[in-house]
Amino acid sequence: MRWTGPLILLYIVVHLLDLTVGKTAIAPDEFVSGNVYANVVHSLSRPAVAIGYIVANIAVCIHLYHGISSAFQTLGVNNPKYNGLLKQASLGLTTIILIGNLSFPIAVLAGAVDL
């Protein structure tokens, strides 16, 4: 949590600057305000940006896995009988989210998505 939290914060700032304002990876002539599809494709077509997106989403899912597990403890669901099942459910949910989020940069880099 110590490392994933700041990494996620950095990711959020760069993500907003990149896809909302057009101030980082997208060249000024390629960025079109409101054209989310084209902006995402232009941004993720750069391998360094796509790798950064992948690393950040892995951090998000590690953070989320811990958060889901901790949320159940906070709600009082902390019993050795159920803890294993809750951890498996947390892992399953974060795995689904990770696969979905990683499909974007992988699809763009593989050429499956283009303008």
PDB file of N, CA and C in Angstrom:
ATOM      1  N   MET A   1       0.821  -1.185   0.000  1.00  0.00           N
ATOM      2  CA  MET A   1       0.000   0.000   0.000  1.00  0.00           C
ATOM      3  C   MET A   1       0.871   1.258   0.000  1.00  0.00           C
ATOM      4  N   ARG A   2       2.016   1.148   0.638  1.00  0.00           N
ATOM      5  CA  ARG A   2       2.927   2.291   0.702  1.00  0.00           C
ATOM      6  C   ARG A   2       3.404   2.697  -0.685  1.00  0.00           C
ATOM      7  N   TRP A   3       3.609   1.747  -1.565  1.00  0.00           N
ATOM      8  CA  TRP A   3       4.118   2.039  -2.904  1.00  0.00           C
ATOM      9  C   TRP A   3       3.003   2.204  -3.924  1.00  0.00           C
ATOM     10  N   THR A   4       1.940   1.426  -3.778  1.00  0.00           N
ATOM     11  CA  THR A   4       0.886   1.502  -4.784  1.00  0.00           C
ATOM     12  C   THR A   4       0.072   2.793  -4.679  1.00  0.00           C
ATOM     13  N   GLY A   5      -0.116   3.316  -3.478  1.00  0.00           N
ATOM     14  CA  GLY A   5      -0.876   4.555  -3.304  1.00  0.00           C
ATOM     15  C   GLY A   5      -0.272   5.731  -4.064  1.00  0.00           C
ATOM     16  N   PRO A   6       1.009   6.056  -3.817  1.00  0.00           N
ATOM     17  CA  PRO A   6       1.624   7.158  -4.574  1.00  0.00           C
ATOM     18  C   PRO A   6       1.692   6.890  -6.081  1.00  0.00           C
ATOM     19  N   LEU A   7       1.904   5.640  -6.467  1.00  0.00           N
ATOM     20  CA  LEU A   7       1.936   5.302  -7.890  1.00  0.00           C
ATOM     21  C   LEU A   7       0.573   5.557  -8.528  1.00  0.00           C
ATOM     22  N   ILE A   8      -0.485   5.214  -7.817  1.00  0.00           N
ATOM     23  CA  ILE A   8      -1.834   5.452  -8.328  1.00  0.00           C
ATOM     24  C   ILE A   8      -2.109   6.953  -8.430  1.00  0.00           C
ATOM     25  N   LEU A   9      -1.676   7.715  -7.440  1.00  0.00           N
ATOM     26  CA  LEU A   9      -1.853   9.168  -7.493  1.00  0.00           C
ATOM     27  C   LEU A   9      -1.139   9.753  -8.714  1.00  0.00           C
ATOM     28  N   LEU A  10       0.091   9.327  -8.942  1.00  0.00           N
ATOM     29  CA  LEU A  10       0.836   9.786 -10.115  1.00  0.00           C
ATOM     30  C   LEU A  10       0.114   9.384 -11.398  1.00  0.00           C
ATOM     31  N   TYR A  11      -0.378   8.167 -11.439  1.00  0.00           N
ATOM     32  CA  TYR A  11      -1.115   7.672 -12.601  1.00  0.00           C
ATOM     33  C   TYR A  11      -2.350   8.532 -12.866  1.00  0.00           C
ATOM     34  N   ILE A  12      -3.085   8.870 -11.814  1.00  0.00           N
ATOM     35  CA  ILE A  12      -4.293   9.682 -11.982  1.00  0.00           C
ATOM     36  C   ILE A  12      -3.946  11.052 -12.564  1.00  0.00           C
ATOM     37  N   VAL A  13      -2.901  11.679 -12.028  1.00  0.00           N
ATOM     38  CA  VAL A  13      -2.502  13.003 -12.517  1.00  0.00           C
ATOM     39  C   VAL A  13      -2.085  12.924 -13.988  1.00  0.00           C
ATOM     40  N   VAL A  14      -1.225  11.974 -14.332  1.00  0.00           N
ATOM     41  CA  VAL A  14      -0.769  11.837 -15.722  1.00  0.00           C
ATOM     42  C   VAL A  14      -1.931  11.469 -16.639  1.00  0.00           C
ATOM     43  N   HIS A  15      -2.788  10.586 -16.176  1.00  0.00           N
ATOM     44  CA  HIS A  15      -3.943  10.153 -16.962  1.00  0.00           C
ATOM     45  C   HIS A  15      -4.853  11.337 -17.283  1.00  0.00           C
ATOM     46  N   LEU A  16      -5.132  12.162 -16.290  1.00  0.00           N
ATOM     47  CA  LEU A  16      -5.983  13.334 -16.513  1.00  0.00           C
ATOM     48  C   LEU A  16      -5.305  14.351 -17.437  1.00  0.00           C
ATOM     49  N   LEU A  17      -4.024  14.590 -17.217  1.00  0.00           N
ATOM     50  CA  LEU A  17      -3.304  15.524 -18.089  1.00  0.00           C
ATOM     51  C   LEU A  17      -3.260  15.005 -19.525  1.00  0.00           C
ATOM     52  N   ASP A  18      -3.065  13.725 -19.671  1.00  0.00           N
ATOM     53  CA  ASP A  18      -2.926  13.123 -20.992  1.00  0.00           C
ATOM     54  C   ASP A  18      -4.251  13.092 -21.746  1.00  0.00           C
ATOM     55  N   LEU A  19      -5.290  12.554 -21.120  1.00  0.00           N
ATOM     56  CA  LEU A  19      -6.529  12.307 -21.857  1.00  0.00           C
ATOM     57  C   LEU A  19      -7.588  13.389 -21.683  1.00  0.00           C
ATOM     58  N   THR A  20      -7.431  14.274 -20.717  1.00  0.00           N
ATOM     59  CA  THR A  20      -8.411  15.332 -20.527  1.00  0.00           C
ATOM     60  C   THR A  20      -7.918  16.664 -21.060  1.00  0.00           C
ATOM     61  N   VAL A  21      -6.633  16.945 -20.848  1.00  0.00           N
ATOM     62  CA  VAL A  21      -6.070  18.230 -21.240  1.00  0.00           C
ATOM     63  C   VAL A  21      -5.192  18.096 -22.479  1.00  0.00           C
ATOM     64  N   GLY A  22      -4.617  16.919 -22.690  1.00  0.00           N
ATOM     65  CA  GLY A  22      -3.744  16.703 -23.844  1.00  0.00           C
ATOM     66  C   GLY A  22      -2.360  17.271 -23.662  1.00  0.00           C
ATOM     67  N   LYS A  23      -1.844  17.246 -22.459  1.00  0.00           N
ATOM     68  CA  LYS A  23      -0.565  17.896 -22.170  1.00  0.00           C
ATOM     69  C   LYS A  23       0.625  16.947 -22.010  1.00  0.00           C
ATOM     70  N   THR A  24       0.457  15.650 -22.200  1.00  0.00           N
ATOM     71  CA  THR A  24       1.623  14.772 -22.000  1.00  0.00           C
ATOM     72  C   THR A  24       1.956  13.983 -23.255  1.00  0.00           C
ATOM     73  N   ALA A  25       1.433  12.803 -23.408  1.00  0.00           N
ATOM     74  CA  ALA A  25       1.879  11.907 -24.470  1.00  0.00           C
ATOM     75  C   ALA A  25       1.321  12.246 -25.847  1.00  0.00           C
ATOM     76  N   ILE A  26       0.134  12.779 -25.891  1.00  0.00           N
ATOM     77  CA  ILE A  26      -0.492  13.060 -27.177  1.00  0.00           C
ATOM     78  C   ILE A  26       0.072  14.365 -27.733  1.00  0.00           C
ATOM     79  N   ALA A  27       0.478  14.333 -28.982  1.00  0.00           N
ATOM     80  CA  ALA A  27       0.950  15.550 -29.631  1.00  0.00           C
ATOM     81  C   ALA A  27      -0.207  16.539 -29.722  1.00  0.00           C
ATOM     82  N   PRO A  28       0.072  17.841 -29.579  1.00  0.00           N
ATOM     83  CA  PRO A  28      -1.007  18.836 -29.592  1.00  0.00           C
ATOM     84  C   PRO A  28      -1.897  18.768 -30.826  1.00  0.00           C
ATOM     85  N   ASP A  29      -1.345  18.405 -31.962  1.00  0.00           N
ATOM     86  CA  ASP A  29      -2.179  18.349 -33.171  1.00  0.00           C
ATOM     87  C   ASP A  29      -3.033  17.086 -33.224  1.00  0.00           C
ATOM     88  N   GLU A  30      -2.733  16.070 -32.403  1.00  0.00           N
ATOM     89  CA  GLU A  30      -3.518  14.839 -32.374  1.00  0.00           C
ATOM     90  C   GLU A  30      -4.630  14.880 -31.336  1.00  0.00           C
ATOM     91  N   PHE A  31      -4.468  15.693 -30.302  1.00  0.00           N
ATOM     92  CA  PHE A  31      -5.456  15.753 -29.224  1.00  0.00           C
ATOM     93  C   PHE A  31      -6.677  16.535 -29.676  1.00  0.00           C
ATOM     94  N   VAL A  32      -7.853  15.921 -29.482  1.00  0.00           N
ATOM     95  CA  VAL A  32      -9.115  16.588 -29.792  1.00  0.00           C
ATOM     96  C   VAL A  32      -9.990  16.502 -28.549  1.00  0.00           C
ATOM     97  N   SER A  33     -10.268  17.635 -27.956  1.00  0.00           N
ATOM     98  CA  SER A  33     -11.079  17.675 -26.750  1.00  0.00           C
ATOM     99  C   SER A  33     -12.433  17.014 -26.997  1.00  0.00           C
ATOM    100  N   GLY A  34     -12.773  16.063 -26.161  1.00  0.00           N
ATOM    101  CA  GLY A  34     -14.048  15.367 -26.275  1.00  0.00           C
ATOM    102  C   GLY A  34     -14.012  14.118 -27.133  1.00  0.00           C
ATOM    103  N   ASN A  35     -12.960  13.909 -27.905  1.00  0.00           N
ATOM    104  CA  ASN A  35     -12.855  12.718 -28.747  1.00  0.00           C
ATOM    105  C   ASN A  35     -12.069  11.653 -27.984  1.00  0.00           C
ATOM    106  N   VAL A  36     -12.731  11.027 -27.030  1.00  0.00           N
ATOM    107  CA  VAL A  36     -12.075  10.099 -26.116  1.00  0.00           C
ATOM    108  C   VAL A  36     -11.437   8.927 -26.863  1.00  0.00           C
ATOM    109  N   TYR A  37     -12.172   8.345 -27.805  1.00  0.00           N
ATOM    110  CA  TYR A  37     -11.668   7.178 -28.533  1.00  0.00           C
ATOM    111  C   TYR A  37     -10.336   7.488 -29.221  1.00  0.00           C
ATOM    112  N   ALA A  38     -10.303   8.544 -29.996  1.00  0.00           N
ATOM    113  CA  ALA A  38      -9.078   8.900 -30.724  1.00  0.00           C
ATOM    114  C   ALA A  38      -7.953   9.265 -29.770  1.00  0.00           C
ATOM    115  N   ASN A  39      -8.270   9.974 -28.710  1.00  0.00           N
ATOM    116  CA  ASN A  39      -7.233  10.354 -27.742  1.00  0.00           C
ATOM    117  C   ASN A  39      -6.624   9.132 -27.071  1.00  0.00           C
ATOM    118  N   VAL A  40      -7.461   8.162 -26.716  1.00  0.00           N
ATOM    119  CA  VAL A  40      -6.955   6.933 -26.086  1.00  0.00           C
ATOM    120  C   VAL A  40      -6.090   6.154 -27.072  1.00  0.00           C
ATOM    121  N   VAL A  41      -6.537   6.034 -28.307  1.00  0.00           N
ATOM    122  CA  VAL A  41      -5.760   5.290 -29.307  1.00  0.00           C
ATOM    123  C   VAL A  41      -4.423   5.986 -29.575  1.00  0.00           C
ATOM    124  N   HIS A  42      -4.445   7.304 -29.736  1.00  0.00           N
ATOM    125  CA  HIS A  42      -3.193   8.040 -29.963  1.00  0.00           C
ATOM    126  C   HIS A  42      -2.246   7.873 -28.778  1.00  0.00           C
ATOM    127  N   SER A  43      -2.764   7.972 -27.575  1.00  0.00           N
ATOM    128  CA  SER A  43      -1.929   7.892 -26.387  1.00  0.00           C
ATOM    129  C   SER A  43      -1.345   6.489 -26.204  1.00  0.00           C
ATOM    130  N   LEU A  44      -2.198   5.471 -26.270  1.00  0.00           N
ATOM    131  CA  LEU A  44      -1.739   4.101 -26.012  1.00  0.00           C
ATOM    132  C   LEU A  44      -0.972   3.496 -27.181  1.00  0.00           C
ATOM    133  N   SER A  45      -0.929   4.179 -28.314  1.00  0.00           N
ATOM    134  CA  SER A  45      -0.132   3.667 -29.436  1.00  0.00           C
ATOM    135  C   SER A  45       1.361   3.909 -29.208  1.00  0.00           C
ATOM    136  N   ARG A  46       1.683   4.701 -28.209  1.00  0.00           N
ATOM    137  CA  ARG A  46       3.081   4.915 -27.827  1.00  0.00           C
ATOM    138  C   ARG A  46       3.458   3.856 -26.799  1.00  0.00           C
ATOM    139  N   PRO A  47       4.433   2.989 -27.101  1.00  0.00           N
ATOM    140  CA  PRO A  47       4.770   1.883 -26.197  1.00  0.00           C
ATOM    141  C   PRO A  47       5.092   2.309 -24.762  1.00  0.00           C
ATOM    142  N   ALA A  48       5.785   3.413 -24.575  1.00  0.00           N
ATOM    143  CA  ALA A  48       6.123   3.843 -23.212  1.00  0.00           C
ATOM    144  C   ALA A  48       4.864   4.181 -22.418  1.00  0.00           C
ATOM    145  N   VAL A  49       3.901   4.821 -23.065  1.00  0.00           N
ATOM    146  CA  VAL A  49       2.644   5.162 -22.393  1.00  0.00           C
ATOM    147  C   VAL A  49       1.862   3.892 -22.081  1.00  0.00           C
ATOM    148  N   ALA A  50       1.813   2.969 -23.034  1.00  0.00           N
ATOM    149  CA  ALA A  50       1.084   1.713 -22.825  1.00  0.00           C
ATOM    150  C   ALA A  50       1.703   0.906 -21.685  1.00  0.00           C
ATOM    151  N   ILE A  51       3.023   0.857 -21.622  1.00  0.00           N
ATOM    152  CA  ILE A  51       3.689   0.130 -20.535  1.00  0.00           C
ATOM    153  C   ILE A  51       3.407   0.813 -19.199  1.00  0.00           C
ATOM    154  N   GLY A  52       3.447   2.133 -19.176  1.00  0.00           N
ATOM    155  CA  GLY A  52       3.103   2.860 -17.960  1.00  0.00           C
ATOM    156  C   GLY A  52       1.676   2.583 -17.521  1.00  0.00           C
ATOM    157  N   TYR A  53       0.762   2.529 -18.474  1.00  0.00           N
ATOM    158  CA  TYR A  53      -0.637   2.229 -18.193  1.00  0.00           C
ATOM    159  C   TYR A  53      -0.773   0.823 -17.616  1.00  0.00           C
ATOM    160  N   ILE A  54      -0.040  -0.130 -18.176  1.00  0.00           N
ATOM    161  CA  ILE A  54      -0.078  -1.509 -17.685  1.00  0.00           C
ATOM    162  C   ILE A  54       0.453  -1.592 -16.261  1.00  0.00           C
ATOM    163  N   VAL A  55       1.602  -0.973 -16.008  1.00  0.00           N
ATOM    164  CA  VAL A  55       2.193  -0.985 -14.660  1.00  0.00           C
ATOM    165  C   VAL A  55       1.253  -0.324 -13.659  1.00  0.00           C
ATOM    166  N   ALA A  56       0.673   0.807 -14.032  1.00  0.00           N
ATOM    167  CA  ALA A  56      -0.236   1.516 -13.131  1.00  0.00           C
ATOM    168  C   ALA A  56      -1.473   0.685 -12.826  1.00  0.00           C
ATOM    169  N   ASN A  57      -1.992  -0.024 -13.807  1.00  0.00           N
ATOM    170  CA  ASN A  57      -3.177  -0.835 -13.566  1.00  0.00           C
ATOM    171  C   ASN A  57      -2.876  -2.072 -12.733  1.00  0.00           C
ATOM    172  N   ILE A  58      -1.679  -2.592 -12.831  1.00  0.00           N
ATOM    173  CA  ILE A  58      -1.277  -3.682 -11.936  1.00  0.00           C
ATOM    174  C   ILE A  58      -1.236  -3.154 -10.501  1.00  0.00           C
ATOM    175  N   ALA A  59      -0.688  -1.948 -10.322  1.00  0.00           N
ATOM    176  CA  ALA A  59      -0.663  -1.327  -8.992  1.00  0.00           C
ATOM    177  C   ALA A  59      -2.076  -1.080  -8.475  1.00  0.00           C
ATOM    178  N   VAL A  60      -2.967  -0.620  -9.350  1.00  0.00           N
ATOM    179  CA  VAL A  60      -4.357  -0.388  -8.951  1.00  0.00           C
ATOM    180  C   VAL A  60      -4.989  -1.687  -8.445  1.00  0.00           C
ATOM    181  N   CYS A  61      -4.742  -2.783  -9.140  1.00  0.00           N
ATOM    182  CA  CYS A  61      -5.359  -4.048  -8.749  1.00  0.00           C
ATOM    183  C   CYS A  61      -4.746  -4.618  -7.473  1.00  0.00           C
ATOM    184  N   ILE A  62      -3.453  -4.439  -7.273  1.00  0.00           N
ATOM    185  CA  ILE A  62      -2.844  -4.849  -5.998  1.00  0.00           C
ATOM    186  C   ILE A  62      -3.472  -4.045  -4.862  1.00  0.00           C
ATOM    187  N   HIS A  63      -3.605  -2.761  -5.073  1.00  0.00           N
ATOM    188  CA  HIS A  63      -4.202  -1.862  -4.082  1.00  0.00           C
ATOM    189  C   HIS A  63      -5.665  -2.253  -3.833  1.00  0.00           C
ATOM    190  N   LEU A  64      -6.391  -2.531  -4.890  1.00  0.00           N
ATOM    191  CA  LEU A  64      -7.793  -2.903  -4.792  1.00  0.00           C
ATOM    192  C   LEU A  64      -7.974  -4.236  -4.078  1.00  0.00           C
ATOM    193  N   TYR A  65      -7.114  -5.197  -4.363  1.00  0.00           N
ATOM    194  CA  TYR A  65      -7.178  -6.503  -3.692  1.00  0.00           C
ATOM    195  C   TYR A  65      -7.064  -6.320  -2.177  1.00  0.00           C
ATOM    196  N   HIS A  66      -6.098  -5.543  -1.766  1.00  0.00           N
ATOM    197  CA  HIS A  66      -5.925  -5.286  -0.330  1.00  0.00           C
ATOM    198  C   HIS A  66      -7.129  -4.521   0.225  1.00  0.00           C
ATOM    199  N   GLY A  67      -7.611  -3.554  -0.524  1.00  0.00           N
ATOM    200  CA  GLY A  67      -8.739  -2.746  -0.074  1.00  0.00           C
ATOM    201  C   GLY A  67     -10.018  -3.544   0.098  1.00  0.00           C
ATOM    202  N   ILE A  68     -10.295  -4.445  -0.829  1.00  0.00           N
ATOM    203  CA  ILE A  68     -11.499  -5.271  -0.728  1.00  0.00           C
ATOM    204  C   ILE A  68     -11.406  -6.174   0.492  1.00  0.00           C
ATOM    205  N   SER A  69     -10.259  -6.811   0.671  1.00  0.00           N
ATOM    206  CA  SER A  69     -10.066  -7.682   1.838  1.00  0.00           C
ATOM    207  C   SER A  69     -10.222  -6.893   3.135  1.00  0.00           C
ATOM    208  N   SER A  70      -9.633  -5.720   3.183  1.00  0.00           N
ATOM    209  CA  SER A  70      -9.702  -4.885   4.386  1.00  0.00           C
ATOM    210  C   SER A  70     -11.113  -4.370   4.638  1.00  0.00           C
ATOM    211  N   ALA A  71     -11.856  -4.107   3.577  1.00  0.00           N
ATOM    212  CA  ALA A  71     -13.225  -3.607   3.739  1.00  0.00           C
ATOM    213  C   ALA A  71     -14.089  -4.620   4.478  1.00  0.00           C
ATOM    214  N   PHE A  72     -13.924  -5.893   4.146  1.00  0.00           N
ATOM    215  CA  PHE A  72     -14.695  -6.917   4.846  1.00  0.00           C
ATOM    216  C   PHE A  72     -14.320  -6.989   6.322  1.00  0.00           C
ATOM    217  N   GLN A  73     -13.044  -6.843   6.631  1.00  0.00           N
ATOM    218  CA  GLN A  73     -12.622  -6.810   8.029  1.00  0.00           C
ATOM    219  C   GLN A  73     -13.229  -5.617   8.744  1.00  0.00           C
ATOM    220  N   THR A  74     -13.240  -4.463   8.095  1.00  0.00           N
ATOM    221  CA  THR A  74     -13.816  -3.254   8.687  1.00  0.00           C
ATOM    222  C   THR A  74     -15.300  -3.444   8.972  1.00  0.00           C
ATOM    223  N   LEU A  75     -15.981  -4.174   8.102  1.00  0.00           N
ATOM    224  CA  LEU A  75     -17.413  -4.421   8.280  1.00  0.00           C
ATOM    225  C   LEU A  75     -17.687  -5.533   9.292  1.00  0.00           C
ATOM    226  N   GLY A  76     -16.630  -6.111   9.843  1.00  0.00           N
ATOM    227  CA  GLY A  76     -16.796  -7.137  10.869  1.00  0.00           C
ATOM    228  C   GLY A  76     -16.835  -8.560  10.354  1.00  0.00           C
ATOM    229  N   VAL A  77     -16.633  -8.729   9.049  1.00  0.00           N
ATOM    230  CA  VAL A  77     -16.607 -10.071   8.472  1.00  0.00           C
ATOM    231  C   VAL A  77     -15.160 -10.559   8.537  1.00  0.00           C
ATOM    232  N   ASN A  78     -14.766 -11.018   9.704  1.00  0.00           N
ATOM    233  CA  ASN A  78     -13.393 -11.471   9.914  1.00  0.00           C
ATOM    234  C   ASN A  78     -13.446 -12.762  10.719  1.00  0.00           C
ATOM    235  N   ASN A  79     -13.606 -13.848   9.998  1.00  0.00           N
ATOM    236  CA  ASN A  79     -13.714 -15.150  10.614  1.00  0.00           C
ATOM    237  C   ASN A  79     -12.834 -16.107   9.827  1.00  0.00           C
ATOM    238  N   PRO A  80     -11.976 -16.861  10.504  1.00  0.00           N
ATOM    239  CA  PRO A  80     -11.101 -17.789   9.779  1.00  0.00           C
ATOM    240  C   PRO A  80     -11.860 -18.728   8.841  1.00  0.00           C
ATOM    241  N   LYS A  81     -13.120 -18.985   9.159  1.00  0.00           N
ATOM    242  CA  LYS A  81     -13.940 -19.864   8.319  1.00  0.00           C
ATOM    243  C   LYS A  81     -14.209 -19.233   6.948  1.00  0.00           C
ATOM    244  N   TYR A  82     -14.321 -17.894   6.890  1.00  0.00           N
ATOM    245  CA  TYR A  82     -14.669 -17.198   5.656  1.00  0.00           C
ATOM    246  C   TYR A  82     -13.521 -16.411   5.035  1.00  0.00           C
ATOM    247  N   ASN A  83     -12.441 -16.190   5.770  1.00  0.00           N
ATOM    248  CA  ASN A  83     -11.355 -15.340   5.262  1.00  0.00           C
ATOM    249  C   ASN A  83     -10.757 -15.859   3.959  1.00  0.00           C
ATOM    250  N   GLY A  84     -10.567 -17.160   3.852  1.00  0.00           N
ATOM    251  CA  GLY A  84     -10.019 -17.732   2.621  1.00  0.00           C
ATOM    252  C   GLY A  84     -10.923 -17.478   1.428  1.00  0.00           C
ATOM    253  N   LEU A  85     -12.223 -17.643   1.642  1.00  0.00           N
ATOM    254  CA  LEU A  85     -13.193 -17.408   0.570  1.00  0.00           C
ATOM    255  C   LEU A  85     -13.216 -15.936   0.173  1.00  0.00           C
ATOM    256  N   LEU A  86     -13.146 -15.039   1.157  1.00  0.00           N
ATOM    257  CA  LEU A  86     -13.137 -13.612   0.862  1.00  0.00           C
ATOM    258  C   LEU A  86     -11.888 -13.208   0.089  1.00  0.00           C
ATOM    259  N   LYS A  87     -10.751 -13.783   0.444  1.00  0.00           N
ATOM    260  CA  LYS A  87      -9.514 -13.479  -0.293  1.00  0.00           C
ATOM    261  C   LYS A  87      -9.602 -13.997  -1.723  1.00  0.00           C
ATOM    262  N   GLN A  88     -10.184 -15.179  -1.897  1.00  0.00           N
ATOM    263  CA  GLN A  88     -10.348 -15.719  -3.255  1.00  0.00           C
ATOM    264  C   GLN A  88     -11.302 -14.852  -4.077  1.00  0.00           C
ATOM    265  N   ALA A  89     -12.387 -14.385  -3.450  1.00  0.00           N
ATOM    266  CA  ALA A  89     -13.335 -13.509  -4.154  1.00  0.00           C
ATOM    267  C   ALA A  89     -12.662 -12.188  -4.518  1.00  0.00           C
ATOM    268  N   SER A  90     -11.861 -11.645  -3.604  1.00  0.00           N
ATOM    269  CA  SER A  90     -11.125 -10.404  -3.885  1.00  0.00           C
ATOM    270  C   SER A  90     -10.163 -10.608  -5.044  1.00  0.00           C
ATOM    271  N   LEU A  91      -9.453 -11.724  -5.030  1.00  0.00           N
ATOM    272  CA  LEU A  91      -8.515 -12.028  -6.107  1.00  0.00           C
ATOM    273  C   LEU A  91      -9.245 -12.193  -7.441  1.00  0.00           C
ATOM    274  N   GLY A  92     -10.373 -12.885  -7.420  1.00  0.00           N
ATOM    275  CA  GLY A  92     -11.147 -13.079  -8.643  1.00  0.00           C
ATOM    276  C   GLY A  92     -11.643 -11.764  -9.227  1.00  0.00           C
ATOM    277  N   LEU A  93     -12.178 -10.899  -8.368  1.00  0.00           N
ATOM    278  CA  LEU A  93     -12.689  -9.608  -8.836  1.00  0.00           C
ATOM    279  C   LEU A  93     -11.570  -8.739  -9.391  1.00  0.00           C
ATOM    280  N   THR A  94     -10.456  -8.658  -8.685  1.00  0.00           N
ATOM    281  CA  THR A  94      -9.355  -7.817  -9.173  1.00  0.00           C
ATOM    282  C   THR A  94      -8.729  -8.396 -10.437  1.00  0.00           C
ATOM    283  N   THR A  95      -8.732  -9.699 -10.573  1.00  0.00           N
ATOM    284  CA  THR A  95      -8.209 -10.319 -11.796  1.00  0.00           C
ATOM    285  C   THR A  95      -9.079  -9.950 -12.995  1.00  0.00           C
ATOM    286  N   ILE A  96     -10.395  -9.979 -12.816  1.00  0.00           N
ATOM    287  CA  ILE A  96     -11.309  -9.601 -13.897  1.00  0.00           C
ATOM    288  C   ILE A  96     -11.084  -8.137 -14.286  1.00  0.00           C
ATOM    289  N   ILE A  97     -10.960  -7.265 -13.286  1.00  0.00           N
ATOM    290  CA  ILE A  97     -10.722  -5.844 -13.544  1.00  0.00           C
ATOM    291  C   ILE A  97      -9.389  -5.648 -14.265  1.00  0.00           C
ATOM    292  N   LEU A  98      -8.348  -6.368 -13.815  1.00  0.00           N
ATOM    293  CA  LEU A  98      -7.027  -6.243 -14.435  1.00  0.00           C
ATOM    294  C   LEU A  98      -7.058  -6.690 -15.890  1.00  0.00           C
ATOM    295  N   ILE A  99      -7.678  -7.813 -16.167  1.00  0.00           N
ATOM    296  CA  ILE A  99      -7.755  -8.301 -17.549  1.00  0.00           C
ATOM    297  C   ILE A  99      -8.485  -7.285 -18.428  1.00  0.00           C
ATOM    298  N   GLY A 100      -9.577  -6.741 -17.919  1.00  0.00           N
ATOM    299  CA  GLY A 100     -10.320  -5.738 -18.679  1.00  0.00           C
ATOM    300  C   GLY A 100      -9.497  -4.497 -18.949  1.00  0.00           C
ATOM    301  N   ASN A 101      -8.817  -3.989 -17.919  1.00  0.00           N
ATOM    302  CA  ASN A 101      -8.025  -2.769 -18.083  1.00  0.00           C
ATOM    303  C   ASN A 101      -6.791  -2.981 -18.949  1.00  0.00           C
ATOM    304  N   LEU A 102      -6.191  -4.147 -18.885  1.00  0.00           N
ATOM    305  CA  LEU A 102      -5.002  -4.404 -19.707  1.00  0.00           C
ATOM    306  C   LEU A 102      -5.357  -4.675 -21.162  1.00  0.00           C
ATOM    307  N   SER A 103      -6.622  -4.989 -21.410  1.00  0.00           N
ATOM    308  CA  SER A 103      -7.020  -5.253 -22.798  1.00  0.00           C
ATOM    309  C   SER A 103      -6.914  -4.002 -23.666  1.00  0.00           C
ATOM    310  N   PHE A 104      -7.067  -2.805 -23.064  1.00  0.00           N
ATOM    311  CA  PHE A 104      -6.993  -1.567 -23.855  1.00  0.00           C
ATOM    312  C   PHE A 104      -5.610  -1.357 -24.462  1.00  0.00           C
ATOM    313  N   PRO A 105      -4.544  -1.262 -23.654  1.00  0.00           N
ATOM    314  CA  PRO A 105      -3.234  -1.010 -24.263  1.00  0.00           C
ATOM    315  C   PRO A 105      -2.755  -2.168 -25.126  1.00  0.00           C
ATOM    316  N   ILE A 106      -3.085  -3.386 -24.733  1.00  0.00           N
ATOM    317  CA  ILE A 106      -2.653  -4.540 -25.522  1.00  0.00           C
ATOM    318  C   ILE A 106      -3.332  -4.523 -26.896  1.00  0.00           C
ATOM    319  N   ALA A 107      -4.620  -4.222 -26.922  1.00  0.00           N
ATOM    320  CA  ALA A 107      -5.343  -4.178 -28.199  1.00  0.00           C
ATOM    321  C   ALA A 107      -4.809  -3.082 -29.111  1.00  0.00           C
ATOM    322  N   VAL A 108      -4.494  -1.916 -28.524  1.00  0.00           N
ATOM    323  CA  VAL A 108      -3.960  -0.810 -29.342  1.00  0.00           C
ATOM    324  C   VAL A 108      -2.584  -1.167 -29.869  1.00  0.00           C
ATOM    325  N   LEU A 109      -1.706  -1.694 -29.003  1.00  0.00           N
ATOM    326  CA  LEU A 109      -0.358  -2.047 -29.450  1.00  0.00           C
ATOM    327  C   LEU A 109      -0.356  -3.181 -30.460  1.00  0.00           C
ATOM    328  N   ALA A 110      -1.320  -4.096 -30.332  1.00  0.00           N
ATOM    329  CA  ALA A 110      -1.396  -5.227 -31.267  1.00  0.00           C
ATOM    330  C   ALA A 110      -2.020  -4.825 -32.596  1.00  0.00           C
ATOM    331  N   GLY A 111      -2.554  -3.628 -32.676  1.00  0.00           N
ATOM    332  CA  GLY A 111      -3.156  -3.164 -33.923  1.00  0.00           C
ATOM    333  C   GLY A 111      -4.612  -3.590 -34.077  1.00  0.00           C
ATOM    334  N   ALA A 112      -5.203  -4.159 -33.040  1.00  0.00           N
ATOM    335  CA  ALA A 112      -6.600  -4.586 -33.120  1.00  0.00           C
ATOM    336  C   ALA A 112      -7.548  -3.392 -33.052  1.00  0.00           C
ATOM    337  N   VAL A 113      -7.056  -2.274 -32.545  1.00  0.00           N
ATOM    338  CA  VAL A 113      -7.846  -1.046 -32.440  1.00  0.00           C
ATOM    339  C   VAL A 113      -7.076   0.053 -33.158  1.00  0.00           C
ATOM    340  N   ASP A 114      -7.740   0.708 -34.059  1.00  0.00           N
ATOM    341  CA  ASP A 114      -7.094   1.825 -34.749  1.00  0.00           C
ATOM    342  C   ASP A 114      -8.132   2.879 -35.082  1.00  0.00           C
ATOM    343  N   LEU A 115      -7.657   3.957 -35.652  1.00  0.00           N
ATOM    344  CA  LEU A 115      -8.560   5.054 -36.018  1.00  0.00           C
ATOM    345  C   LEU A 115      -9.102   4.796 -37.356  1.00  0.00           C
TER     346      LEU A 115
END
